Amino acid sequence: MELMDYYDKKALNEVLVRWYGAQARGWEMNDSVAQVVIKMLVEMRRCTAALHFVPMPTTFGNQLGQLTKGYLKKVIGVLKDDERVYNICSHHTIRQYRSEIQMASMGL
């Protein structure tokens, strides 16, 4: 028994068309595809959380102070549970899961 109704499938297909282009219009939307998309979103958030802790480049002056201040801003941003995802994380994940999405849409 499928858990998604017509509107869920349509919304899921819109996301996949945005990610993969017009070819995704022909993909079958099913629970397996939804599970892969959920896995992708978790991966994107994990990547973004890791990138929050990469130090930003410093300028002239007190570099240690700038690093400390920049790091504190990042930690505060993570604690606020910022919902943004870095483009590098989403693009990498979308590319990485393309075959798995296609196979799931074929029921494999």
PDB file of N, CA and C in Angstrom:
ATOM      1  N   MET A   1       0.835  -1.180   0.000  1.00  0.00           N
ATOM      2  CA  MET A   1       0.000   0.000   0.000  1.00  0.00           C
ATOM      3  C   MET A   1       0.885   1.250   0.000  1.00  0.00           C
ATOM      4  N   GLU A   2       0.639   2.136  -0.942  1.00  0.00           N
ATOM      5  CA  GLU A   2       1.419   3.360  -1.038  1.00  0.00           C
ATOM      6  C   GLU A   2       0.941   4.381  -0.013  1.00  0.00           C
ATOM      7  N   LEU A   3       1.885   5.104   0.542  1.00  0.00           N
ATOM      8  CA  LEU A   3       1.572   6.112   1.547  1.00  0.00           C
ATOM      9  C   LEU A   3       1.342   7.487   0.936  1.00  0.00           C
ATOM     10  N   MET A   4       1.741   7.673  -0.315  1.00  0.00           N
ATOM     11  CA  MET A   4       1.599   8.975  -0.953  1.00  0.00           C
ATOM     12  C   MET A   4       0.323   9.048  -1.775  1.00  0.00           C
ATOM     13  N   ASP A   5      -0.351  10.191  -1.692  1.00  0.00           N
ATOM     14  CA  ASP A   5      -1.512  10.400  -2.543  1.00  0.00           C
ATOM     15  C   ASP A   5      -1.087  11.171  -3.802  1.00  0.00           C
ATOM     16  N   TYR A   6      -2.051  11.508  -4.622  1.00  0.00           N
ATOM     17  CA  TYR A   6      -1.776  12.199  -5.894  1.00  0.00           C
ATOM     18  C   TYR A   6      -1.000  13.489  -5.664  1.00  0.00           C
ATOM     19  N   TYR A   7      -1.403  14.272  -4.670  1.00  0.00           N
ATOM     20  CA  TYR A   7      -0.772  15.571  -4.414  1.00  0.00           C
ATOM     21  C   TYR A   7       0.658  15.423  -3.893  1.00  0.00           C
ATOM     22  N   ASP A   8       0.893  14.404  -3.076  1.00  0.00           N
ATOM     23  CA  ASP A   8       2.250  14.127  -2.609  1.00  0.00           C
ATOM     24  C   ASP A   8       3.154  13.766  -3.790  1.00  0.00           C
ATOM     25  N   LYS A   9       2.642  12.917  -4.666  1.00  0.00           N
ATOM     26  CA  LYS A   9       3.421  12.505  -5.842  1.00  0.00           C
ATOM     27  C   LYS A   9       3.712  13.689  -6.758  1.00  0.00           C
ATOM     28  N   LYS A  10       2.726  14.547  -6.917  1.00  0.00           N
ATOM     29  CA  LYS A  10       2.914  15.720  -7.770  1.00  0.00           C
ATOM     30  C   LYS A  10       3.971  16.650  -7.168  1.00  0.00           C
ATOM     31  N   ALA A  11       3.911  16.885  -5.863  1.00  0.00           N
ATOM     32  CA  ALA A  11       4.892  17.748  -5.201  1.00  0.00           C
ATOM     33  C   ALA A  11       6.291  17.146  -5.282  1.00  0.00           C
ATOM     34  N   LEU A  12       6.389  15.840  -5.073  1.00  0.00           N
ATOM     35  CA  LEU A  12       7.675  15.161  -5.160  1.00  0.00           C
ATOM     36  C   LEU A  12       8.238  15.262  -6.576  1.00  0.00           C
ATOM     37  N   ASN A  13       7.373  15.091  -7.575  1.00  0.00           N
ATOM     38  CA  ASN A  13       7.815  15.192  -8.957  1.00  0.00           C
ATOM     39  C   ASN A  13       8.298  16.604  -9.284  1.00  0.00           C
ATOM     40  N   GLU A  14       7.652  17.617  -8.746  1.00  0.00           N
ATOM     41  CA  GLU A  14       8.086  18.999  -8.975  1.00  0.00           C
ATOM     42  C   GLU A  14       9.492  19.229  -8.432  1.00  0.00           C
ATOM     43  N   VAL A  15       9.775  18.661  -7.265  1.00  0.00           N
ATOM     44  CA  VAL A  15      11.114  18.780  -6.682  1.00  0.00           C
ATOM     45  C   VAL A  15      12.137  18.105  -7.591  1.00  0.00           C
ATOM     46  N   LEU A  16      11.827  16.900  -8.042  1.00  0.00           N
ATOM     47  CA  LEU A  16      12.769  16.156  -8.874  1.00  0.00           C
ATOM     48  C   LEU A  16      12.972  16.810 -10.238  1.00  0.00           C
ATOM     49  N   VAL A  17      11.929  17.403 -10.793  1.00  0.00           N
ATOM     50  CA  VAL A  17      12.073  18.126 -12.061  1.00  0.00           C
ATOM     51  C   VAL A  17      12.979  19.331 -11.855  1.00  0.00           C
ATOM     52  N   ARG A  18      12.837  19.986 -10.727  1.00  0.00           N
ATOM     53  CA  ARG A  18      13.718  21.128 -10.437  1.00  0.00           C
ATOM     54  C   ARG A  18      15.174  20.680 -10.309  1.00  0.00           C
ATOM     55  N   TRP A  19      15.386  19.526  -9.693  1.00  0.00           N
ATOM     56  CA  TRP A  19      16.743  19.020  -9.491  1.00  0.00           C
ATOM     57  C   TRP A  19      17.339  18.409 -10.752  1.00  0.00           C
ATOM     58  N   TYR A  20      16.546  17.603 -11.472  1.00  0.00           N
ATOM     59  CA  TYR A  20      17.080  16.793 -12.572  1.00  0.00           C
ATOM     60  C   TYR A  20      16.603  17.213 -13.959  1.00  0.00           C
ATOM     61  N   GLY A  21      15.739  18.188 -14.053  1.00  0.00           N
ATOM     62  CA  GLY A  21      15.276  18.655 -15.345  1.00  0.00           C
ATOM     63  C   GLY A  21      14.031  17.911 -15.830  1.00  0.00           C
ATOM     64  N   ALA A  22      13.654  18.205 -17.067  1.00  0.00           N
ATOM     65  CA  ALA A  22      12.403  17.717 -17.647  1.00  0.00           C
ATOM     66  C   ALA A  22      12.314  16.194 -17.698  1.00  0.00           C
ATOM     67  N   GLN A  23      13.442  15.508 -17.771  1.00  0.00           N
ATOM     68  CA  GLN A  23      13.392  14.041 -17.856  1.00  0.00           C
ATOM     69  C   GLN A  23      12.735  13.412 -16.630  1.00  0.00           C
ATOM     70  N   ALA A  24      12.770  14.114 -15.494  1.00  0.00           N
ATOM     71  CA  ALA A  24      12.174  13.573 -14.272  1.00  0.00           C
ATOM     72  C   ALA A  24      10.644  13.555 -14.335  1.00  0.00           C
ATOM     73  N   ARG A  25      10.064  14.273 -15.302  1.00  0.00           N
ATOM     74  CA  ARG A  25       8.604  14.263 -15.444  1.00  0.00           C
ATOM     75  C   ARG A  25       8.081  12.848 -15.719  1.00  0.00           C
ATOM     76  N   GLY A  26       8.862  12.061 -16.398  1.00  0.00           N
ATOM     77  CA  GLY A  26       8.434  10.708 -16.751  1.00  0.00           C
ATOM     78  C   GLY A  26       8.722   9.665 -15.691  1.00  0.00           C
ATOM     79  N   TRP A  27       9.369  10.043 -14.615  1.00  0.00           N
ATOM     80  CA  TRP A  27       9.694   9.078 -13.566  1.00  0.00           C
ATOM     81  C   TRP A  27       8.458   8.779 -12.725  1.00  0.00           C
ATOM     82  N   GLU A  28       8.322   7.539 -12.340  1.00  0.00           N
ATOM     83  CA  GLU A  28       7.216   7.103 -11.488  1.00  0.00           C
ATOM     84  C   GLU A  28       7.502   7.532 -10.047  1.00  0.00           C
ATOM     85  N   MET A  29       6.544   8.230  -9.443  1.00  0.00           N
ATOM     86  CA  MET A  29       6.701   8.644  -8.050  1.00  0.00           C
ATOM     87  C   MET A  29       6.085   7.573  -7.146  1.00  0.00           C
ATOM     88  N   ASN A  30       6.906   7.036  -6.263  1.00  0.00           N
ATOM     89  CA  ASN A  30       6.436   5.997  -5.356  1.00  0.00           C
ATOM     90  C   ASN A  30       7.121   6.169  -3.997  1.00  0.00           C
ATOM     91  N   ASP A  31       6.780   5.304  -3.059  1.00  0.00           N
ATOM     92  CA  ASP A  31       7.341   5.417  -1.704  1.00  0.00           C
ATOM     93  C   ASP A  31       8.855   5.245  -1.694  1.00  0.00           C
ATOM     94  N   SER A  32       9.381   4.417  -2.583  1.00  0.00           N
ATOM     95  CA  SER A  32      10.831   4.215  -2.645  1.00  0.00           C
ATOM     96  C   SER A  32      11.547   5.494  -3.065  1.00  0.00           C
ATOM     97  N   VAL A  33      10.968   6.212  -4.014  1.00  0.00           N
ATOM     98  CA  VAL A  33      11.553   7.478  -4.446  1.00  0.00           C
ATOM     99  C   VAL A  33      11.521   8.476  -3.290  1.00  0.00           C
ATOM    100  N   ALA A  34      10.403   8.524  -2.586  1.00  0.00           N
ATOM    101  CA  ALA A  34      10.290   9.432  -1.437  1.00  0.00           C
ATOM    102  C   ALA A  34      11.339   9.109  -0.372  1.00  0.00           C
ATOM    103  N   GLN A  35      11.593   7.826  -0.138  1.00  0.00           N
ATOM    104  CA  GLN A  35      12.601   7.432   0.859  1.00  0.00           C
ATOM    105  C   GLN A  35      13.998   7.871   0.434  1.00  0.00           C
ATOM    106  N   VAL A  36      14.302   7.770  -0.855  1.00  0.00           N
ATOM    107  CA  VAL A  36      15.611   8.212  -1.344  1.00  0.00           C
ATOM    108  C   VAL A  36      15.731   9.727  -1.199  1.00  0.00           C
ATOM    109  N   VAL A  37      14.666  10.460  -1.507  1.00  0.00           N
ATOM    110  CA  VAL A  37      14.695  11.920  -1.380  1.00  0.00           C
ATOM    111  C   VAL A  37      14.908  12.316   0.081  1.00  0.00           C
ATOM    112  N   ILE A  38      14.267  11.624   0.997  1.00  0.00           N
ATOM    113  CA  ILE A  38      14.467  11.908   2.420  1.00  0.00           C
ATOM    114  C   ILE A  38      15.924  11.656   2.803  1.00  0.00           C
ATOM    115  N   LYS A  39      16.487  10.564   2.305  1.00  0.00           N
ATOM    116  CA  LYS A  39      17.895  10.263   2.566  1.00  0.00           C
ATOM    117  C   LYS A  39      18.794  11.361   2.003  1.00  0.00           C
ATOM    118  N   MET A  40      18.433  11.876   0.828  1.00  0.00           N
ATOM    119  CA  MET A  40      19.202  12.959   0.215  1.00  0.00           C
ATOM    120  C   MET A  40      19.153  14.221   1.072  1.00  0.00           C
ATOM    121  N   LEU A  41      17.983  14.554   1.575  1.00  0.00           N
ATOM    122  CA  LEU A  41      17.840  15.755   2.399  1.00  0.00           C
ATOM    123  C   LEU A  41      18.651  15.651   3.684  1.00  0.00           C
ATOM    124  N   VAL A  42      18.674  14.468   4.273  1.00  0.00           N
ATOM    125  CA  VAL A  42      19.487  14.254   5.472  1.00  0.00           C
ATOM    126  C   VAL A  42      20.960  14.447   5.139  1.00  0.00           C
ATOM    127  N   GLU A  43      21.386  13.930   3.999  1.00  0.00           N
ATOM    128  CA  GLU A  43      22.777  14.071   3.565  1.00  0.00           C
ATOM    129  C   GLU A  43      23.132  15.541   3.322  1.00  0.00           C
ATOM    130  N   MET A  44      22.222  16.279   2.696  1.00  0.00           N
ATOM    131  CA  MET A  44      22.463  17.704   2.454  1.00  0.00           C
ATOM    132  C   MET A  44      22.621  18.469   3.771  1.00  0.00           C
ATOM    133  N   ARG A  45      21.774  18.164   4.743  1.00  0.00           N
ATOM    134  CA  ARG A  45      21.857  18.836   6.048  1.00  0.00           C
ATOM    135  C   ARG A  45      23.145  18.457   6.777  1.00  0.00           C
ATOM    136  N   ARG A  46      23.553  17.200   6.666  1.00  0.00           N
ATOM    137  CA  ARG A  46      24.799  16.747   7.319  1.00  0.00           C
ATOM    138  C   ARG A  46      26.002  17.472   6.725  1.00  0.00           C
ATOM    139  N   CYS A  47      26.036  17.583   5.409  1.00  0.00           N
ATOM    140  CA  CYS A  47      27.111  18.291   4.721  1.00  0.00           C
ATOM    141  C   CYS A  47      27.128  19.761   5.128  1.00  0.00           C
ATOM    142  N   THR A  48      25.970  20.391   5.150  1.00  0.00           N
ATOM    143  CA  THR A  48      25.872  21.795   5.527  1.00  0.00           C
ATOM    144  C   THR A  48      26.336  22.010   6.960  1.00  0.00           C
ATOM    145  N   ALA A  49      25.936  21.125   7.860  1.00  0.00           N
ATOM    146  CA  ALA A  49      26.360  21.252   9.260  1.00  0.00           C
ATOM    147  C   ALA A  49      27.876  21.173   9.364  1.00  0.00           C
ATOM    148  N   ALA A  50      28.489  20.310   8.585  1.00  0.00           N
ATOM    149  CA  ALA A  50      29.951  20.186   8.611  1.00  0.00           C
ATOM    150  C   ALA A  50      30.612  21.447   8.069  1.00  0.00           C
ATOM    151  N   LEU A  51      30.051  22.023   7.013  1.00  0.00           N
ATOM    152  CA  LEU A  51      30.639  23.222   6.419  1.00  0.00           C
ATOM    153  C   LEU A  51      30.512  24.450   7.311  1.00  0.00           C
ATOM    154  N   HIS A  52      29.571  24.426   8.233  1.00  0.00           N
ATOM    155  CA  HIS A  52      29.443  25.546   9.164  1.00  0.00           C
ATOM    156  C   HIS A  52      30.717  25.742   9.982  1.00  0.00           C
ATOM    157  N   PHE A  53      31.495  24.700  10.146  1.00  0.00           N
ATOM    158  CA  PHE A  53      32.673  24.773  11.005  1.00  0.00           C
ATOM    159  C   PHE A  53      33.973  24.980  10.235  1.00  0.00           C
ATOM    160  N   VAL A  54      33.885  25.202   8.928  1.00  0.00           N
ATOM    161  CA  VAL A  54      35.073  25.516   8.137  1.00  0.00           C
ATOM    162  C   VAL A  54      35.366  26.997   8.349  1.00  0.00           C
ATOM    163  N   PRO A  55      36.575  27.334   8.786  1.00  0.00           N
ATOM    164  CA  PRO A  55      36.869  28.747   9.048  1.00  0.00           C
ATOM    165  C   PRO A  55      36.856  29.586   7.775  1.00  0.00           C
ATOM    166  N   MET A  56      36.388  30.816   7.921  1.00  0.00           N
ATOM    167  CA  MET A  56      36.380  31.773   6.816  1.00  0.00           C
ATOM    168  C   MET A  56      37.767  32.389   6.696  1.00  0.00           C
ATOM    169  N   PRO A  57      38.137  32.873   5.508  1.00  0.00           N
ATOM    170  CA  PRO A  57      39.442  33.527   5.351  1.00  0.00           C
ATOM    171  C   PRO A  57      39.526  34.774   6.231  1.00  0.00           C
ATOM    172  N   THR A  58      40.718  35.051   6.708  1.00  0.00           N
ATOM    173  CA  THR A  58      40.921  36.226   7.550  1.00  0.00           C
ATOM    174  C   THR A  58      41.517  37.350   6.717  1.00  0.00           C
ATOM    175  N   THR A  59      41.437  38.562   7.245  1.00  0.00           N
ATOM    176  CA  THR A  59      42.023  39.724   6.587  1.00  0.00           C
ATOM    177  C   THR A  59      43.201  40.195   7.424  1.00  0.00           C
ATOM    178  N   PHE A  60      43.657  41.394   7.163  1.00  0.00           N
ATOM    179  CA  PHE A  60      44.774  41.939   7.939  1.00  0.00           C
ATOM    180  C   PHE A  60      44.332  42.227   9.374  1.00  0.00           C
ATOM    181  N   GLY A  61      45.269  42.293  10.264  1.00  0.00           N
ATOM    182  CA  GLY A  61      44.962  42.613  11.654  1.00  0.00           C
ATOM    183  C   GLY A  61      45.106  41.388  12.520  1.00  0.00           C
ATOM    184  N   ASN A  62      44.327  41.327  13.561  1.00  0.00           N
ATOM    185  CA  ASN A  62      44.374  40.242  14.538  1.00  0.00           C
ATOM    186  C   ASN A  62      43.677  39.010  13.966  1.00  0.00           C
ATOM    187  N   GLN A  63      44.434  38.140  13.322  1.00  0.00           N
ATOM    188  CA  GLN A  63      43.851  36.970  12.657  1.00  0.00           C
ATOM    189  C   GLN A  63      43.247  35.990  13.651  1.00  0.00           C
ATOM    190  N   LEU A  64      43.883  35.796  14.794  1.00  0.00           N
ATOM    191  CA  LEU A  64      43.336  34.883  15.799  1.00  0.00           C
ATOM    192  C   LEU A  64      41.994  35.389  16.300  1.00  0.00           C
ATOM    193  N   GLY A  65      41.911  36.674  16.536  1.00  0.00           N
ATOM    194  CA  GLY A  65      40.646  37.268  16.976  1.00  0.00           C
ATOM    195  C   GLY A  65      39.556  37.121  15.933  1.00  0.00           C
ATOM    196  N   GLN A  66      39.933  37.317  14.663  1.00  0.00           N
ATOM    197  CA  GLN A  66      38.963  37.173  13.582  1.00  0.00           C
ATOM    198  C   GLN A  66      38.474  35.738  13.461  1.00  0.00           C
ATOM    199  N   LEU A  67      39.389  34.778  13.581  1.00  0.00           N
ATOM    200  CA  LEU A  67      39.003  33.363  13.531  1.00  0.00           C
ATOM    201  C   LEU A  67      38.046  33.023  14.664  1.00  0.00           C
ATOM    202  N   THR A  68      38.385  33.485  15.862  1.00  0.00           N
ATOM    203  CA  THR A  68      37.545  33.200  17.027  1.00  0.00           C
ATOM    204  C   THR A  68      36.162  33.804  16.849  1.00  0.00           C
ATOM    205  N   LYS A  69      36.107  35.059  16.421  1.00  0.00           N
ATOM    206  CA  LYS A  69      34.829  35.734  16.219  1.00  0.00           C
ATOM    207  C   LYS A  69      34.016  35.028  15.125  1.00  0.00           C
ATOM    208  N   GLY A  70      34.684  34.668  14.008  1.00  0.00           N
ATOM    209  CA  GLY A  70      33.998  33.969  12.922  1.00  0.00           C
ATOM    210  C   GLY A  70      33.474  32.609  13.348  1.00  0.00           C
ATOM    211  N   TYR A  71      34.265  31.904  14.146  1.00  0.00           N
ATOM    212  CA  TYR A  71      33.851  30.583  14.622  1.00  0.00           C
ATOM    213  C   TYR A  71      32.646  30.710  15.544  1.00  0.00           C
ATOM    214  N   LEU A  72      32.665  31.699  16.417  1.00  0.00           N
ATOM    215  CA  LEU A  72      31.533  31.909  17.321  1.00  0.00           C
ATOM    216  C   LEU A  72      30.256  32.217  16.535  1.00  0.00           C
ATOM    217  N   LYS A  73      30.370  33.011  15.486  1.00  0.00           N
ATOM    218  CA  LYS A  73      29.197  33.311  14.656  1.00  0.00           C
ATOM    219  C   LYS A  73      28.643  32.040  14.024  1.00  0.00           C
ATOM    220  N   LYS A  74      29.528  31.168  13.571  1.00  0.00           N
ATOM    221  CA  LYS A  74      29.081  29.915  12.959  1.00  0.00           C
ATOM    222  C   LYS A  74      28.387  29.024  13.976  1.00  0.00           C
ATOM    223  N   VAL A  75      28.958  28.914  15.160  1.00  0.00           N
ATOM    224  CA  VAL A  75      28.345  28.084  16.203  1.00  0.00           C
ATOM    225  C   VAL A  75      26.968  28.626  16.558  1.00  0.00           C
ATOM    226  N   ILE A  76      26.861  29.948  16.690  1.00  0.00           N
ATOM    227  CA  ILE A  76      25.560  30.550  17.001  1.00  0.00           C
ATOM    228  C   ILE A  76      24.570  30.276  15.876  1.00  0.00           C
ATOM    229  N   GLY A  77      25.037  30.357  14.620  1.00  0.00           N
ATOM    230  CA  GLY A  77      24.167  30.057  13.479  1.00  0.00           C
ATOM    231  C   GLY A  77      23.669  28.621  13.499  1.00  0.00           C
ATOM    232  N   VAL A  78      24.533  27.690  13.864  1.00  0.00           N
ATOM    233  CA  VAL A  78      24.133  26.282  13.954  1.00  0.00           C
ATOM    234  C   VAL A  78      23.121  26.101  15.076  1.00  0.00           C
ATOM    235  N   LEU A  79      23.352  26.763  16.184  1.00  0.00           N
ATOM    236  CA  LEU A  79      22.437  26.640  17.317  1.00  0.00           C
ATOM    237  C   LEU A  79      21.053  27.208  16.997  1.00  0.00           C
ATOM    238  N   LYS A  80      21.001  28.178  16.107  1.00  0.00           N
ATOM    239  CA  LYS A  80      19.711  28.737  15.690  1.00  0.00           C
ATOM    240  C   LYS A  80      18.987  27.796  14.744  1.00  0.00           C
ATOM    241  N   ASP A  81      19.632  26.701  14.341  1.00  0.00           N
ATOM    242  CA  ASP A  81      19.055  25.708  13.427  1.00  0.00           C
ATOM    243  C   ASP A  81      18.679  26.343  12.096  1.00  0.00           C
ATOM    244  N   ASP A  82      19.647  26.967  11.492  1.00  0.00           N
ATOM    245  CA  ASP A  82      19.459  27.610  10.205  1.00  0.00           C
ATOM    246  C   ASP A  82      19.087  26.555   9.169  1.00  0.00           C
ATOM    247  N   GLU A  83      18.035  26.798   8.400  1.00  0.00           N
ATOM    248  CA  GLU A  83      17.530  25.814   7.439  1.00  0.00           C
ATOM    249  C   GLU A  83      18.195  25.899   6.072  1.00  0.00           C
ATOM    250  N   ARG A  84      19.087  26.840   5.876  1.00  0.00           N
ATOM    251  CA  ARG A  84      19.734  26.961   4.570  1.00  0.00           C
ATOM    252  C   ARG A  84      20.690  25.784   4.345  1.00  0.00           C
ATOM    253  N   VAL A  85      20.842  25.434   3.079  1.00  0.00           N
ATOM    254  CA  VAL A  85      21.747  24.357   2.691  1.00  0.00           C
ATOM    255  C   VAL A  85      22.747  24.950   1.702  1.00  0.00           C
ATOM    256  N   TYR A  86      24.015  24.659   1.902  1.00  0.00           N
ATOM    257  CA  TYR A  86      25.032  25.139   0.978  1.00  0.00           C
ATOM    258  C   TYR A  86      24.819  24.516  -0.398  1.00  0.00           C
ATOM    259  N   ASN A  87      25.009  25.328  -1.448  1.00  0.00           N
ATOM    260  CA  ASN A  87      24.834  24.839  -2.815  1.00  0.00           C
ATOM    261  C   ASN A  87      25.739  23.654  -3.112  1.00  0.00           C
ATOM    262  N   ILE A  88      26.976  23.708  -2.640  1.00  0.00           N
ATOM    263  CA  ILE A  88      27.897  22.601  -2.915  1.00  0.00           C
ATOM    264  C   ILE A  88      27.355  21.291  -2.344  1.00  0.00           C
ATOM    265  N   CYS A  89      26.691  21.362  -1.203  1.00  0.00           N
ATOM    266  CA  CYS A  89      26.124  20.153  -0.590  1.00  0.00           C
ATOM    267  C   CYS A  89      24.945  19.627  -1.402  1.00  0.00           C
ATOM    268  N   SER A  90      24.060  20.536  -1.806  1.00  0.00           N
ATOM    269  CA  SER A  90      22.895  20.071  -2.563  1.00  0.00           C
ATOM    270  C   SER A  90      23.303  19.555  -3.942  1.00  0.00           C
ATOM    271  N   HIS A  91      24.178  20.268  -4.639  1.00  0.00           N
ATOM    272  CA  HIS A  91      24.583  19.820  -5.982  1.00  0.00           C
ATOM    273  C   HIS A  91      25.289  18.469  -5.933  1.00  0.00           C
ATOM    274  N   HIS A  92      26.169  18.301  -4.976  1.00  0.00           N
ATOM    275  CA  HIS A  92      26.881  17.031  -4.843  1.00  0.00           C
ATOM    276  C   HIS A  92      25.909  15.889  -4.544  1.00  0.00           C
ATOM    277  N   THR A  93      25.001  16.117  -3.622  1.00  0.00           N
ATOM    278  CA  THR A  93      24.047  15.070  -3.232  1.00  0.00           C
ATOM    279  C   THR A  93      23.112  14.731  -4.384  1.00  0.00           C
ATOM    280  N   ILE A  94      22.629  15.735  -5.081  1.00  0.00           N
ATOM    281  CA  ILE A  94      21.731  15.504  -6.217  1.00  0.00           C
ATOM    282  C   ILE A  94      22.424  14.661  -7.281  1.00  0.00           C
ATOM    283  N   ARG A  95      23.673  14.984  -7.578  1.00  0.00           N
ATOM    284  CA  ARG A  95      24.440  14.202  -8.562  1.00  0.00           C
ATOM    285  C   ARG A  95      24.684  12.779  -8.065  1.00  0.00           C
ATOM    286  N   GLN A  96      25.007  12.652  -6.800  1.00  0.00           N
ATOM    287  CA  GLN A  96      25.367  11.355  -6.224  1.00  0.00           C
ATOM    288  C   GLN A  96      24.188  10.377  -6.215  1.00  0.00           C
ATOM    289  N   TYR A  97      22.971  10.872  -6.039  1.00  0.00           N
ATOM    290  CA  TYR A  97      21.811   9.993  -5.878  1.00  0.00           C
ATOM    291  C   TYR A  97      20.979   9.829  -7.143  1.00  0.00           C
ATOM    292  N   ARG A  98      21.415  10.357  -8.263  1.00  0.00           N
ATOM    293  CA  ARG A  98      20.625  10.309  -9.496  1.00  0.00           C
ATOM    294  C   ARG A  98      20.243   8.874  -9.891  1.00  0.00           C
ATOM    295  N   SER A  99      21.203   7.990  -9.931  1.00  0.00           N
ATOM    296  CA  SER A  99      20.917   6.609 -10.344  1.00  0.00           C
ATOM    297  C   SER A  99      19.986   5.914  -9.356  1.00  0.00           C
ATOM    298  N   GLU A 100      20.190   6.172  -8.071  1.00  0.00           N
ATOM    299  CA  GLU A 100      19.347   5.542  -7.064  1.00  0.00           C
ATOM    300  C   GLU A 100      17.892   6.016  -7.194  1.00  0.00           C
ATOM    301  N   ILE A 101      17.700   7.295  -7.489  1.00  0.00           N
ATOM    302  CA  ILE A 101      16.342   7.837  -7.708  1.00  0.00           C
ATOM    303  C   ILE A 101      15.722   7.178  -8.930  1.00  0.00           C
ATOM    304  N   GLN A 102      16.469   7.082 -10.028  1.00  0.00           N
ATOM    305  CA  GLN A 102      15.936   6.479 -11.248  1.00  0.00           C
ATOM    306  C   GLN A 102      15.557   5.019 -11.028  1.00  0.00           C
ATOM    307  N   MET A 103      16.403   4.278 -10.330  1.00  0.00           N
ATOM    308  CA  MET A 103      16.091   2.864 -10.063  1.00  0.00           C
ATOM    309  C   MET A 103      14.858   2.745  -9.169  1.00  0.00           C
ATOM    310  N   ALA A 104      14.750   3.618  -8.161  1.00  0.00           N
ATOM    311  CA  ALA A 104      13.588   3.576  -7.278  1.00  0.00           C
ATOM    312  C   ALA A 104      12.310   3.889  -8.051  1.00  0.00           C
ATOM    313  N   SER A 105      12.403   4.793  -9.016  1.00  0.00           N
ATOM    314  CA  SER A 105      11.210   5.143  -9.799  1.00  0.00           C
ATOM    315  C   SER A 105      10.787   3.993 -10.708  1.00  0.00           C
ATOM    316  N   MET A 106      11.728   3.106 -11.031  1.00  0.00           N
ATOM    317  CA  MET A 106      11.397   1.934 -11.858  1.00  0.00           C
ATOM    318  C   MET A 106      10.999   0.735 -10.994  1.00  0.00           C
ATOM    319  N   GLY A 107      11.021   0.927  -9.683  1.00  0.00           N
ATOM    320  CA  GLY A 107      10.637  -0.161  -8.790  1.00  0.00           C
ATOM    321  C   GLY A 107      11.764  -1.153  -8.527  1.00  0.00           C
ATOM    322  N   LEU A 108      12.982  -0.776  -8.833  1.00  0.00           N
ATOM    323  CA  LEU A 108      14.137  -1.676  -8.619  1.00  0.00           C
ATOM    324  C   LEU A 108      14.776  -1.449  -7.273  1.00  0.00           C
TER     325      LEU A 108
END
